Amino acid sequence: MLLRSALAAAALVAAAATAGAPTATATAAGSARAAESEYVALGDSYSAGAFVRPWTEDGCGRSEQNYPHQAARRLRVRLTDVTCSAAEVRAGVLEGQTELKGPPSVPPPGGWAAKPPQIRAVSAATDLVTLGVGGNSIGFADIVETCVKQGLRAFGAGSPCTIHYTRGEGASRLDARFASLESDVAAALKEIRSRAPQTEVAVVGYPAVVDDRAGCTFGAWHQLGTITKGDMPWLDSLERRLNDVLREQARRAGAAYVDTYASSTGHGVCAPAGQRWMYGIKDNLTGPGEQSDPPSEICRSIPARGEACTVLHPNLSGATHQADLVGRALIGLGASPR
């Protein structure tokens, strides 16, 4: 759609130049070039900007400072942001989502209303789509929880989580989840093309969480809590494996891939405070305003001073880094800077 509009505008400009005088058609062409593109953002908590203030209170925790919003403010686009925390490729993007985890971390009485499939936001009028999802489909949060528990039982020694997921009972289950992820991402990209054949699509990968374990301390909950240092390289390899799937599926579908990992190394959860782009397991909130996330009972039981159980999500600096790369990619796909 963007290519077609650009070609039409170029033809109109050439015709006006040949005529030697401004025409109503040429004026219309200028308006077409200046028109805003329709941009739809699909994805999970890493796209929603969970725990970066201010966020929506509907269970999705969608931040006004997430990368879709930050990028949209820099570009001539109209944003439809349907990203939602806890979304999976299947249960969230392609189908409705009933499991909502906020923030707020404590749901209201009766819970939150189920969300319709995010894919419904994509139509023939859509010019640009970003898709940032997959971590929940492989059970990343459950994996982190398992690693925390196993590290505590091991008193910080060895690599018990690595063994569990590479040679233990967790290995086959994880492989099955990755196989499902590949087919689900392929299905999502196919459905986007079906609904909007002319749209330009960017698949957004995940930033570095624990690329360097050197600065982490066992038992520090603003970092990785009781996950052992021996398990941190495997967690990093898990994220790189996830990104490899997203990159390959983007390539097969003819979509762009936005690599947020490479340029975020050195800014993971083990980095010094001023260089960290990632929240730890329990951490202080970032972003403008005074919005808070009253902790759940489980979160209160964690012996740390952080404001919320942020569980390894990009903080405001991380969201801004994502926005820099996504904005650049969208310009490459036809969006105009403001």
C-alpha atoms as a PDB file:
ATOM      1  CA  MET A   1       0.000   0.000   0.000  1.00  0.00           C
ATOM      2  CA  LEU A   2       2.815   2.398   0.839  1.00  0.00           C
ATOM      3  CA  LEU A   3       4.642   1.512  -2.398  1.00  0.00           C
ATOM      4  CA  ARG A   4       1.496   1.978  -4.453  1.00  0.00           C
ATOM      5  CA  SER A   5       0.815   5.404  -2.897  1.00  0.00           C
ATOM      6  CA  ALA A   6       4.416   6.482  -3.451  1.00  0.00           C
ATOM      7  CA  LEU A   7       4.340   5.468  -7.134  1.00  0.00           C
ATOM      8  CA  ALA A   8       1.054   7.282  -7.660  1.00  0.00           C
ATOM      9  CA  ALA A   9       2.379  10.409  -6.002  1.00  0.00           C
ATOM     10  CA  ALA A  10       5.565  10.311  -8.109  1.00  0.00           C
ATOM     11  CA  ALA A  11       3.542  10.021 -11.311  1.00  0.00           C
ATOM     12  CA  LEU A  12       1.396  12.988 -10.352  1.00  0.00           C
ATOM     13  CA  VAL A  13       4.419  15.116  -9.543  1.00  0.00           C
ATOM     14  CA  ALA A  14       6.030  14.255 -12.896  1.00  0.00           C
ATOM     15  CA  ALA A  15       2.836  15.170 -14.752  1.00  0.00           C
ATOM     16  CA  ALA A  16       2.663  18.518 -12.988  1.00  0.00           C
ATOM     17  CA  ALA A  17       6.292  19.264 -13.822  1.00  0.00           C
ATOM     18  CA  THR A  18       5.659  18.487 -17.494  1.00  0.00           C
ATOM     19  CA  ALA A  19       2.722  20.890 -17.517  1.00  0.00           C
ATOM     20  CA  GLY A  20       5.005  23.596 -16.151  1.00  0.00           C
ATOM     21  CA  ALA A  21       2.511  24.919 -13.615  1.00  0.00           C
ATOM     22  CA  PRO A  22       0.987  23.833 -10.298  1.00  0.00           C
ATOM     23  CA  THR A  23      -2.254  21.943 -10.685  1.00  0.00           C
ATOM     24  CA  ALA A  24      -4.951  20.648  -8.352  1.00  0.00           C
ATOM     25  CA  THR A  25      -3.650  17.156  -9.069  1.00  0.00           C
ATOM     26  CA  ALA A  26      -0.141  18.113  -8.002  1.00  0.00           C
ATOM     27  CA  THR A  27      -1.531  19.632  -4.821  1.00  0.00           C
ATOM     28  CA  ALA A  28      -3.361  16.382  -4.126  1.00  0.00           C
ATOM     29  CA  ALA A  29      -0.108  14.509  -4.636  1.00  0.00           C
ATOM     30  CA  GLY A  30       1.595  16.665  -2.049  1.00  0.00           C
ATOM     31  CA  SER A  31      -1.219  15.941   0.380  1.00  0.00           C
ATOM     32  CA  ALA A  32      -0.882  12.222  -0.304  1.00  0.00           C
ATOM     33  CA  ARG A  33       2.835  12.338   0.485  1.00  0.00           C
ATOM     34  CA  ALA A  34       2.145  14.189   3.709  1.00  0.00           C
ATOM     35  CA  ALA A  35      -0.689  11.857   4.765  1.00  0.00           C
ATOM     36  CA  GLU A  36      -0.184   9.711   7.823  1.00  0.00           C
ATOM     37  CA  SER A  37       0.277   5.959   7.465  1.00  0.00           C
ATOM     38  CA  GLU A  38      -1.896   3.536   9.417  1.00  0.00           C
ATOM     39  CA  TYR A  39       0.297   1.661  11.894  1.00  0.00           C
ATOM     40  CA  VAL A  40      -0.889  -1.329  13.951  1.00  0.00           C
ATOM     41  CA  ALA A  41       1.231  -2.702  16.815  1.00  0.00           C
ATOM     42  CA  LEU A  42       0.744  -6.337  17.860  1.00  0.00           C
ATOM     43  CA  GLY A  43       2.622  -8.064  20.645  1.00  0.00           C
ATOM     44  CA  ASP A  44       3.214  -9.061  24.256  1.00  0.00           C
ATOM     45  CA  SER A  45       4.523  -7.290  27.357  1.00  0.00           C
ATOM     46  CA  TYR A  46       7.885  -6.448  25.763  1.00  0.00           C
ATOM     47  CA  SER A  47       5.957  -4.552  23.099  1.00  0.00           C
ATOM     48  CA  ALA A  48       3.331  -3.219  25.515  1.00  0.00           C
ATOM     49  CA  GLY A  49       6.033  -1.703  27.732  1.00  0.00           C
ATOM     50  CA  ALA A  50       4.778  -3.401  30.884  1.00  0.00           C
ATOM     51  CA  PHE A  51       5.745  -1.643  34.131  1.00  0.00           C
ATOM     52  CA  VAL A  52       6.838   1.562  32.378  1.00  0.00           C
ATOM     53  CA  ARG A  53       4.607   4.390  33.589  1.00  0.00           C
ATOM     54  CA  PRO A  54       1.979   5.373  32.625  1.00  0.00           C
ATOM     55  CA  TRP A  55       0.132   2.208  31.624  1.00  0.00           C
ATOM     56  CA  THR A  56      -3.471   1.211  30.967  1.00  0.00           C
ATOM     57  CA  GLU A  57      -5.423  -0.341  33.830  1.00  0.00           C
ATOM     58  CA  ASP A  58      -7.242  -2.947  31.695  1.00  0.00           C
ATOM     59  CA  GLY A  59      -4.968  -5.893  32.443  1.00  0.00           C
ATOM     60  CA  CYS A  60      -2.706  -5.352  29.432  1.00  0.00           C
ATOM     61  CA  GLY A  61      -0.381  -2.851  31.140  1.00  0.00           C
ATOM     62  CA  ARG A  62       0.077  -1.011  27.839  1.00  0.00           C
ATOM     63  CA  SER A  63       2.426   1.938  28.401  1.00  0.00           C
ATOM     64  CA  GLU A  64       2.267   5.315  26.698  1.00  0.00           C
ATOM     65  CA  GLN A  65       6.071   5.065  26.649  1.00  0.00           C
ATOM     66  CA  ASN A  66       6.279   1.694  24.886  1.00  0.00           C
ATOM     67  CA  TYR A  67       8.085   1.475  21.571  1.00  0.00           C
ATOM     68  CA  PRO A  68       4.920   1.714  19.434  1.00  0.00           C
ATOM     69  CA  HIS A  69       3.932   4.978  21.110  1.00  0.00           C
ATOM     70  CA  GLN A  70       7.426   6.453  21.136  1.00  0.00           C
ATOM     71  CA  ALA A  71       7.986   5.545  17.480  1.00  0.00           C
ATOM     72  CA  ALA A  72       4.557   6.879  16.478  1.00  0.00           C
ATOM     73  CA  ARG A  73       5.300  10.252  18.045  1.00  0.00           C
ATOM     74  CA  ARG A  74       8.351  10.568  15.796  1.00  0.00           C
ATOM     75  CA  LEU A  75       6.633   9.478  12.578  1.00  0.00           C
ATOM     76  CA  ARG A  76       3.700  10.519  10.398  1.00  0.00           C
ATOM     77  CA  VAL A  77       1.570   7.571  11.457  1.00  0.00           C
ATOM     78  CA  ARG A  78      -1.752   6.908  13.149  1.00  0.00           C
ATOM     79  CA  LEU A  79      -1.163   4.247  15.783  1.00  0.00           C
ATOM     80  CA  THR A  80      -3.507   1.445  16.766  1.00  0.00           C
ATOM     81  CA  ASP A  81      -1.772  -0.268  19.680  1.00  0.00           C
ATOM     82  CA  VAL A  82      -3.364  -3.556  20.771  1.00  0.00           C
ATOM     83  CA  THR A  83      -0.272  -5.040  22.455  1.00  0.00           C
ATOM     84  CA  CYS A  84      -1.000  -6.796  25.730  1.00  0.00           C
ATOM     85  CA  SER A  85       1.017  -8.343  28.529  1.00  0.00           C
ATOM     86  CA  ALA A  86       0.891 -12.155  28.682  1.00  0.00           C
ATOM     87  CA  ALA A  87      -0.118 -12.400  25.015  1.00  0.00           C
ATOM     88  CA  GLU A  88       1.023 -15.452  23.102  1.00  0.00           C
ATOM     89  CA  VAL A  89       1.105 -15.804  19.335  1.00  0.00           C
ATOM     90  CA  ARG A  90      -1.920 -18.086  19.447  1.00  0.00           C
ATOM     91  CA  ALA A  91      -3.748 -16.901  22.598  1.00  0.00           C
ATOM     92  CA  GLY A  92      -3.507 -13.163  22.141  1.00  0.00           C
ATOM     93  CA  VAL A  93      -2.621 -12.362  18.542  1.00  0.00           C
ATOM     94  CA  LEU A  94      -4.501 -14.985  16.516  1.00  0.00           C
ATOM     95  CA  GLU A  95      -7.146 -15.796  19.119  1.00  0.00           C
ATOM     96  CA  GLY A  96      -8.746 -14.057  22.075  1.00  0.00           C
ATOM     97  CA  GLN A  97      -6.834 -13.619  25.314  1.00  0.00           C
ATOM     98  CA  THR A  98      -8.359 -14.555  28.654  1.00  0.00           C
ATOM     99  CA  GLU A  99      -5.193 -14.735  30.765  1.00  0.00           C
ATOM    100  CA  LEU A 100      -4.277 -11.184  31.731  1.00  0.00           C
ATOM    101  CA  LYS A 101      -1.491 -10.367  34.174  1.00  0.00           C
ATOM    102  CA  GLY A 102      -1.302  -6.585  34.169  1.00  0.00           C
ATOM    103  CA  PRO A 103       0.062  -4.419  35.525  1.00  0.00           C
ATOM    104  CA  PRO A 104      -1.807  -3.879  37.706  1.00  0.00           C
ATOM    105  CA  SER A 105      -0.571  -7.190  39.059  1.00  0.00           C
ATOM    106  CA  VAL A 106      -3.648  -7.590  41.278  1.00  0.00           C
ATOM    107  CA  PRO A 107      -6.819  -7.858  39.163  1.00  0.00           C
ATOM    108  CA  PRO A 108     -10.072  -6.172  40.165  1.00  0.00           C
ATOM    109  CA  PRO A 109     -12.892  -8.218  41.709  1.00  0.00           C
ATOM    110  CA  GLY A 110     -14.202 -10.479  38.981  1.00  0.00           C
ATOM    111  CA  GLY A 111     -11.018 -10.113  36.944  1.00  0.00           C
ATOM    112  CA  TRP A 112     -10.426  -8.277  33.690  1.00  0.00           C
ATOM    113  CA  ALA A 113     -12.518  -8.610  30.580  1.00  0.00           C
ATOM    114  CA  ALA A 114     -11.132 -10.952  27.928  1.00  0.00           C
ATOM    115  CA  LYS A 115      -9.418  -9.308  24.968  1.00  0.00           C
ATOM    116  CA  PRO A 116     -10.340  -9.976  21.352  1.00  0.00           C
ATOM    117  CA  PRO A 117      -7.708 -11.331  18.952  1.00  0.00           C
ATOM    118  CA  GLN A 118      -5.166  -8.592  18.267  1.00  0.00           C
ATOM    119  CA  ILE A 119      -5.122  -9.535  14.583  1.00  0.00           C
ATOM    120  CA  ARG A 120      -8.575  -7.982  14.186  1.00  0.00           C
ATOM    121  CA  ALA A 121      -6.941  -4.556  14.313  1.00  0.00           C
ATOM    122  CA  VAL A 122      -5.273  -5.267  10.941  1.00  0.00           C
ATOM    123  CA  SER A 123      -7.312  -4.389   7.850  1.00  0.00           C
ATOM    124  CA  ALA A 124      -6.861  -3.541   4.186  1.00  0.00           C
ATOM    125  CA  ALA A 125      -6.304   0.066   5.275  1.00  0.00           C
ATOM    126  CA  THR A 126      -3.248  -0.875   7.373  1.00  0.00           C
ATOM    127  CA  ASP A 127       0.087   0.363   5.999  1.00  0.00           C
ATOM    128  CA  LEU A 128       2.508  -0.812   8.715  1.00  0.00           C
ATOM    129  CA  VAL A 129       2.469  -3.625  11.260  1.00  0.00           C
ATOM    130  CA  THR A 130       4.922  -4.512  14.005  1.00  0.00           C
ATOM    131  CA  LEU A 131       4.754  -7.957  15.589  1.00  0.00           C
ATOM    132  CA  GLY A 132       6.692  -8.519  18.803  1.00  0.00           C
ATOM    133  CA  VAL A 133       5.625 -11.767  20.438  1.00  0.00           C
ATOM    134  CA  GLY A 134       6.823 -15.283  21.223  1.00  0.00           C
ATOM    135  CA  GLY A 135       8.301 -15.286  24.728  1.00  0.00           C
ATOM    136  CA  ASN A 136       5.062 -16.348  26.385  1.00  0.00           C
ATOM    137  CA  SER A 137       4.510 -19.010  23.742  1.00  0.00           C
ATOM    138  CA  ILE A 138       7.655 -20.828  24.917  1.00  0.00           C
ATOM    139  CA  GLY A 139       6.787 -20.195  28.580  1.00  0.00           C
ATOM    140  CA  PHE A 140       9.596 -17.763  29.380  1.00  0.00           C
ATOM    141  CA  ALA A 141       8.073 -16.604  32.676  1.00  0.00           C
ATOM    142  CA  ASP A 142       7.586 -20.203  33.822  1.00  0.00           C
ATOM    143  CA  ILE A 143      11.169 -20.994  32.854  1.00  0.00           C
ATOM    144  CA  VAL A 144      12.456 -18.069  34.927  1.00  0.00           C
ATOM    145  CA  GLU A 145      10.367 -19.239  37.879  1.00  0.00           C
ATOM    146  CA  THR A 146      11.765 -22.761  37.543  1.00  0.00           C
ATOM    147  CA  CYS A 147      15.316 -21.418  37.413  1.00  0.00           C
ATOM    148  CA  VAL A 148      14.706 -19.285  40.513  1.00  0.00           C
ATOM    149  CA  LYS A 149      13.406 -22.278  42.483  1.00  0.00           C
ATOM    150  CA  GLN A 150      16.130 -24.649  41.324  1.00  0.00           C
ATOM    151  CA  GLY A 151      18.843 -22.100  42.036  1.00  0.00           C
ATOM    152  CA  LEU A 152      17.529 -21.640  45.563  1.00  0.00           C
ATOM    153  CA  ARG A 153      17.535 -25.400  46.185  1.00  0.00           C
ATOM    154  CA  ALA A 154      21.094 -25.563  44.852  1.00  0.00           C
ATOM    155  CA  PHE A 155      22.213 -22.647  47.079  1.00  0.00           C
ATOM    156  CA  GLY A 156      23.483 -20.862  43.972  1.00  0.00           C
ATOM    157  CA  ALA A 157      25.792 -23.677  42.879  1.00  0.00           C
ATOM    158  CA  GLY A 158      26.061 -25.299  39.479  1.00  0.00           C
ATOM    159  CA  SER A 159      23.590 -25.025  36.621  1.00  0.00           C
ATOM    160  CA  PRO A 160      20.506 -26.990  37.676  1.00  0.00           C
ATOM    161  CA  CYS A 161      18.113 -25.168  35.342  1.00  0.00           C
ATOM    162  CA  THR A 162      20.341 -25.764  32.339  1.00  0.00           C
ATOM    163  CA  ILE A 163      20.385 -29.477  33.110  1.00  0.00           C
ATOM    164  CA  HIS A 164      16.604 -29.546  33.564  1.00  0.00           C
ATOM    165  CA  TYR A 165      15.913 -27.959  30.175  1.00  0.00           C
ATOM    166  CA  THR A 166      18.682 -29.583  28.140  1.00  0.00           C
ATOM    167  CA  ARG A 167      18.990 -33.094  29.559  1.00  0.00           C
ATOM    168  CA  GLY A 168      16.134 -33.364  32.043  1.00  0.00           C
ATOM    169  CA  GLU A 169      12.366 -33.625  31.868  1.00  0.00           C
ATOM    170  CA  GLY A 170      11.970 -30.059  30.658  1.00  0.00           C
ATOM    171  CA  ALA A 171      13.914 -30.588  27.416  1.00  0.00           C
ATOM    172  CA  SER A 172      11.273 -32.303  25.293  1.00  0.00           C
ATOM    173  CA  ARG A 173       8.555 -29.933  26.472  1.00  0.00           C
ATOM    174  CA  LEU A 174      10.639 -26.904  25.550  1.00  0.00           C
ATOM    175  CA  ASP A 175      11.455 -28.347  22.116  1.00  0.00           C
ATOM    176  CA  ALA A 176       7.734 -28.890  21.524  1.00  0.00           C
ATOM    177  CA  ARG A 177       6.989 -25.292  22.454  1.00  0.00           C
ATOM    178  CA  PHE A 178       9.586 -24.024  19.999  1.00  0.00           C
ATOM    179  CA  ALA A 179       8.106 -26.206  17.257  1.00  0.00           C
ATOM    180  CA  SER A 180       4.676 -24.731  17.970  1.00  0.00           C
ATOM    181  CA  LEU A 181       6.138 -21.232  18.033  1.00  0.00           C
ATOM    182  CA  GLU A 182       7.536 -21.615  14.529  1.00  0.00           C
ATOM    183  CA  SER A 183       4.197 -22.650  13.068  1.00  0.00           C
ATOM    184  CA  ASP A 184       2.260 -20.036  15.061  1.00  0.00           C
ATOM    185  CA  VAL A 185       4.478 -17.139  13.986  1.00  0.00           C
ATOM    186  CA  ALA A 186       4.224 -18.321  10.383  1.00  0.00           C
ATOM    187  CA  ALA A 187       0.439 -18.419  10.739  1.00  0.00           C
ATOM    188  CA  ALA A 188       0.337 -14.931  12.239  1.00  0.00           C
ATOM    189  CA  LEU A 189       2.423 -13.445   9.425  1.00  0.00           C
ATOM    190  CA  LYS A 190       0.270 -15.228   6.838  1.00  0.00           C
ATOM    191  CA  GLU A 191      -2.893 -13.859   8.456  1.00  0.00           C
ATOM    192  CA  ILE A 192      -1.483 -10.318   8.451  1.00  0.00           C
ATOM    193  CA  ARG A 193      -0.804 -10.629   4.716  1.00  0.00           C
ATOM    194  CA  SER A 194      -4.270 -12.048   4.148  1.00  0.00           C
ATOM    195  CA  ARG A 195      -5.944  -9.127   5.882  1.00  0.00           C
ATOM    196  CA  ALA A 196      -3.636  -6.450   4.462  1.00  0.00           C
ATOM    197  CA  PRO A 197      -1.879  -7.678   1.311  1.00  0.00           C
ATOM    198  CA  GLN A 198      -0.061  -4.380   0.730  1.00  0.00           C
ATOM    199  CA  THR A 199       1.059  -3.749   4.294  1.00  0.00           C
ATOM    200  CA  GLU A 200       4.720  -3.626   5.351  1.00  0.00           C
ATOM    201  CA  VAL A 201       5.549  -5.837   8.340  1.00  0.00           C
ATOM    202  CA  ALA A 202       8.381  -5.703  10.885  1.00  0.00           C
ATOM    203  CA  VAL A 203       8.944  -8.567  13.310  1.00  0.00           C
ATOM    204  CA  VAL A 204      10.549  -7.198  16.481  1.00  0.00           C
ATOM    205  CA  GLY A 205      13.013  -9.388  18.362  1.00  0.00           C
ATOM    206  CA  TYR A 206      13.794  -9.380  22.082  1.00  0.00           C
ATOM    207  CA  PRO A 207      16.538  -7.256  23.699  1.00  0.00           C
ATOM    208  CA  ALA A 208      19.364  -8.751  25.744  1.00  0.00           C
ATOM    209  CA  VAL A 209      18.311  -9.809  29.240  1.00  0.00           C
ATOM    210  CA  VAL A 210      21.433 -11.504  30.605  1.00  0.00           C
ATOM    211  CA  ASP A 211      24.125 -11.434  27.923  1.00  0.00           C
ATOM    212  CA  ASP A 212      26.800 -10.840  30.587  1.00  0.00           C
ATOM    213  CA  ARG A 213      26.530 -12.407  34.048  1.00  0.00           C
ATOM    214  CA  ALA A 214      29.597 -10.700  35.521  1.00  0.00           C
ATOM    215  CA  GLY A 215      27.705  -7.980  37.405  1.00  0.00           C
ATOM    216  CA  CYS A 216      25.003 -10.217  38.885  1.00  0.00           C
ATOM    217  CA  THR A 217      24.935 -11.300  42.525  1.00  0.00           C
ATOM    218  CA  PHE A 218      23.128 -14.385  43.796  1.00  0.00           C
ATOM    219  CA  GLY A 219      20.085 -13.362  45.833  1.00  0.00           C
ATOM    220  CA  ALA A 220      19.872  -9.828  44.365  1.00  0.00           C
ATOM    221  CA  TRP A 221      16.217  -9.516  43.339  1.00  0.00           C
ATOM    222  CA  HIS A 222      16.715  -6.299  41.390  1.00  0.00           C
ATOM    223  CA  GLN A 223      18.708  -8.628  39.144  1.00  0.00           C
ATOM    224  CA  LEU A 224      17.966 -12.363  38.792  1.00  0.00           C
ATOM    225  CA  GLY A 225      17.299 -13.343  42.385  1.00  0.00           C
ATOM    226  CA  THR A 226      18.342 -16.913  43.100  1.00  0.00           C
ATOM    227  CA  ILE A 227      19.088 -17.960  39.528  1.00  0.00           C
ATOM    228  CA  THR A 228      22.612 -19.354  39.579  1.00  0.00           C
ATOM    229  CA  LYS A 229      25.386 -17.752  37.585  1.00  0.00           C
ATOM    230  CA  GLY A 230      25.924 -21.142  36.006  1.00  0.00           C
ATOM    231  CA  ASP A 231      22.418 -20.994  34.504  1.00  0.00           C
ATOM    232  CA  MET A 232      22.692 -17.466  33.108  1.00  0.00           C
ATOM    233  CA  PRO A 233      24.502 -18.423  29.873  1.00  0.00           C
ATOM    234  CA  TRP A 234      21.750 -20.926  29.107  1.00  0.00           C
ATOM    235  CA  LEU A 235      19.060 -18.292  29.704  1.00  0.00           C
ATOM    236  CA  ASP A 236      20.868 -16.044  27.249  1.00  0.00           C
ATOM    237  CA  SER A 237      21.058 -18.869  24.702  1.00  0.00           C
ATOM    238  CA  LEU A 238      17.314 -19.439  25.155  1.00  0.00           C
ATOM    239  CA  GLU A 239      16.604 -15.839  24.229  1.00  0.00           C
ATOM    240  CA  ARG A 240      18.931 -16.016  21.223  1.00  0.00           C
ATOM    241  CA  ARG A 241      17.167 -19.201  20.107  1.00  0.00           C
ATOM    242  CA  LEU A 242      13.839 -17.364  20.371  1.00  0.00           C
ATOM    243  CA  ASN A 243      15.162 -14.477  18.299  1.00  0.00           C
ATOM    244  CA  ASP A 244      16.504 -16.891  15.687  1.00  0.00           C
ATOM    245  CA  VAL A 245      12.994 -18.306  15.218  1.00  0.00           C
ATOM    246  CA  LEU A 246      11.509 -14.835  14.813  1.00  0.00           C
ATOM    247  CA  ARG A 247      14.231 -13.769  12.382  1.00  0.00           C
ATOM    248  CA  GLU A 248      13.792 -16.870  10.225  1.00  0.00           C
ATOM    249  CA  GLN A 249      10.014 -16.632  10.116  1.00  0.00           C
ATOM    250  CA  ALA A 250      10.290 -12.960   9.159  1.00  0.00           C
ATOM    251  CA  ARG A 251      12.658 -13.878   6.338  1.00  0.00           C
ATOM    252  CA  ARG A 252      10.356 -16.578   5.023  1.00  0.00           C
ATOM    253  CA  ALA A 253       7.372 -14.218   5.059  1.00  0.00           C
ATOM    254  CA  GLY A 254       9.220 -11.361   3.372  1.00  0.00           C
ATOM    255  CA  ALA A 255       8.963  -9.213   6.501  1.00  0.00           C
ATOM    256  CA  ALA A 256      11.643  -7.016   8.051  1.00  0.00           C
ATOM    257  CA  TYR A 257      13.325  -8.169  11.246  1.00  0.00           C
ATOM    258  CA  VAL A 258      14.258  -5.658  13.957  1.00  0.00           C
ATOM    259  CA  ASP A 259      17.244  -6.912  15.953  1.00  0.00           C
ATOM    260  CA  THR A 260      17.023  -5.304  19.402  1.00  0.00           C
ATOM    261  CA  TYR A 261      19.443  -7.822  20.951  1.00  0.00           C
ATOM    262  CA  ALA A 262      22.808  -6.939  19.409  1.00  0.00           C
ATOM    263  CA  SER A 263      22.802  -3.251  20.364  1.00  0.00           C
ATOM    264  CA  SER A 264      21.448  -3.929  23.863  1.00  0.00           C
ATOM    265  CA  THR A 265      24.298  -6.208  24.948  1.00  0.00           C
ATOM    266  CA  GLY A 266      26.065  -4.660  27.908  1.00  0.00           C
ATOM    267  CA  HIS A 267      22.738  -3.199  29.099  1.00  0.00           C
ATOM    268  CA  GLY A 268      21.080  -6.322  30.469  1.00  0.00           C
ATOM    269  CA  VAL A 269      19.921  -7.012  33.988  1.00  0.00           C
ATOM    270  CA  CYS A 270      23.479  -7.544  35.320  1.00  0.00           C
ATOM    271  CA  ALA A 271      24.737  -4.163  34.052  1.00  0.00           C
ATOM    272  CA  PRO A 272      25.456  -1.260  36.442  1.00  0.00           C
ATOM    273  CA  ALA A 273      22.397   0.766  37.430  1.00  0.00           C
ATOM    274  CA  GLY A 274      23.054   3.660  35.068  1.00  0.00           C
ATOM    275  CA  GLN A 275      23.556   1.354  32.097  1.00  0.00           C
ATOM    276  CA  ARG A 276      20.728  -1.087  32.723  1.00  0.00           C
ATOM    277  CA  TRP A 277      17.887  -1.201  30.192  1.00  0.00           C
ATOM    278  CA  MET A 278      16.169  -4.150  31.842  1.00  0.00           C
ATOM    279  CA  TYR A 279      14.166  -4.494  35.042  1.00  0.00           C
ATOM    280  CA  GLY A 280      15.148  -7.223  37.458  1.00  0.00           C
ATOM    281  CA  ILE A 281      12.707  -9.611  39.111  1.00  0.00           C
ATOM    282  CA  LYS A 282      11.686  -7.012  41.723  1.00  0.00           C
ATOM    283  CA  ASP A 283      12.671  -3.467  40.915  1.00  0.00           C
ATOM    284  CA  ASN A 284      11.779   0.206  41.085  1.00  0.00           C
ATOM    285  CA  LEU A 285       9.464   1.510  38.385  1.00  0.00           C
ATOM    286  CA  THR A 286      10.502   3.926  35.648  1.00  0.00           C
ATOM    287  CA  GLY A 287       8.568   6.361  33.495  1.00  0.00           C
ATOM    288  CA  PRO A 288       6.831   9.684  34.175  1.00  0.00           C
ATOM    289  CA  GLY A 289       4.165  10.069  36.828  1.00  0.00           C
ATOM    290  CA  GLU A 290       3.390   8.454  40.159  1.00  0.00           C
ATOM    291  CA  GLN A 291       1.505   5.349  39.006  1.00  0.00           C
ATOM    292  CA  SER A 292       2.212   2.348  41.217  1.00  0.00           C
ATOM    293  CA  ASP A 293       1.600  -1.384  41.099  1.00  0.00           C
ATOM    294  CA  PRO A 294       0.331  -2.659  44.466  1.00  0.00           C
ATOM    295  CA  PRO A 295       2.191  -5.942  44.931  1.00  0.00           C
ATOM    296  CA  SER A 296       0.561  -9.339  45.015  1.00  0.00           C
ATOM    297  CA  GLU A 297       0.999 -11.576  48.038  1.00  0.00           C
ATOM    298  CA  ILE A 298       3.757 -13.519  46.274  1.00  0.00           C
ATOM    299  CA  CYS A 299       5.556 -10.313  45.352  1.00  0.00           C
ATOM    300  CA  ARG A 300       5.390  -9.045  48.934  1.00  0.00           C
ATOM    301  CA  SER A 301       7.054 -12.257  50.080  1.00  0.00           C
ATOM    302  CA  ILE A 302      10.188 -11.568  48.022  1.00  0.00           C
ATOM    303  CA  PRO A 303      12.800 -10.027  50.358  1.00  0.00           C
ATOM    304  CA  ALA A 304      13.675  -6.958  48.316  1.00  0.00           C
ATOM    305  CA  ARG A 305      12.890  -3.235  48.302  1.00  0.00           C
ATOM    306  CA  GLY A 306      11.705  -2.874  44.723  1.00  0.00           C
ATOM    307  CA  GLU A 307       8.394  -1.154  44.033  1.00  0.00           C
ATOM    308  CA  ALA A 308       7.001  -3.986  41.908  1.00  0.00           C
ATOM    309  CA  CYS A 309       7.643  -7.490  40.637  1.00  0.00           C
ATOM    310  CA  THR A 310       8.746  -6.344  37.203  1.00  0.00           C
ATOM    311  CA  VAL A 311      10.153  -9.777  36.244  1.00  0.00           C
ATOM    312  CA  LEU A 312      12.672  -9.044  33.493  1.00  0.00           C
ATOM    313  CA  HIS A 313      11.050  -6.449  31.231  1.00  0.00           C
ATOM    314  CA  PRO A 314      12.575  -3.423  29.491  1.00  0.00           C
ATOM    315  CA  ASN A 315      12.576  -0.301  31.658  1.00  0.00           C
ATOM    316  CA  LEU A 316      12.066   3.179  30.187  1.00  0.00           C
ATOM    317  CA  SER A 317      15.611   3.261  28.787  1.00  0.00           C
ATOM    318  CA  GLY A 318      15.044  -0.158  27.252  1.00  0.00           C
ATOM    319  CA  ALA A 319      11.732   0.888  25.709  1.00  0.00           C
ATOM    320  CA  THR A 320      13.401   3.970  24.234  1.00  0.00           C
ATOM    321  CA  HIS A 321      16.138   1.789  22.744  1.00  0.00           C
ATOM    322  CA  GLN A 322      13.471  -0.434  21.182  1.00  0.00           C
ATOM    323  CA  ALA A 323      11.708   2.656  19.807  1.00  0.00           C
ATOM    324  CA  ASP A 324      14.908   3.945  18.204  1.00  0.00           C
ATOM    325  CA  LEU A 325      15.348   0.717  16.260  1.00  0.00           C
ATOM    326  CA  VAL A 326      11.678   0.184  15.412  1.00  0.00           C
ATOM    327  CA  GLY A 327      11.276   3.791  14.277  1.00  0.00           C
ATOM    328  CA  ARG A 328      14.278   3.417  11.993  1.00  0.00           C
ATOM    329  CA  ALA A 329      12.823   0.189  10.578  1.00  0.00           C
ATOM    330  CA  LEU A 330       9.436   1.784   9.944  1.00  0.00           C
ATOM    331  CA  ILE A 331      11.073   4.637   8.038  1.00  0.00           C
ATOM    332  CA  GLY A 332      12.802   2.016   5.940  1.00  0.00           C
ATOM    333  CA  LEU A 333       9.393   0.479   5.245  1.00  0.00           C
ATOM    334  CA  GLY A 334       7.902   3.780   4.051  1.00  0.00           C
ATOM    335  CA  ALA A 335       6.899   5.824   7.117  1.00  0.00           C
ATOM    336  CA  SER A 336       7.803   9.526   7.061  1.00  0.00           C
ATOM    337  CA  PRO A 337       9.502  11.298   9.973  1.00  0.00           C
ATOM    338  CA  ARG A 338       7.552  14.136  11.564  1.00  0.00           C
END
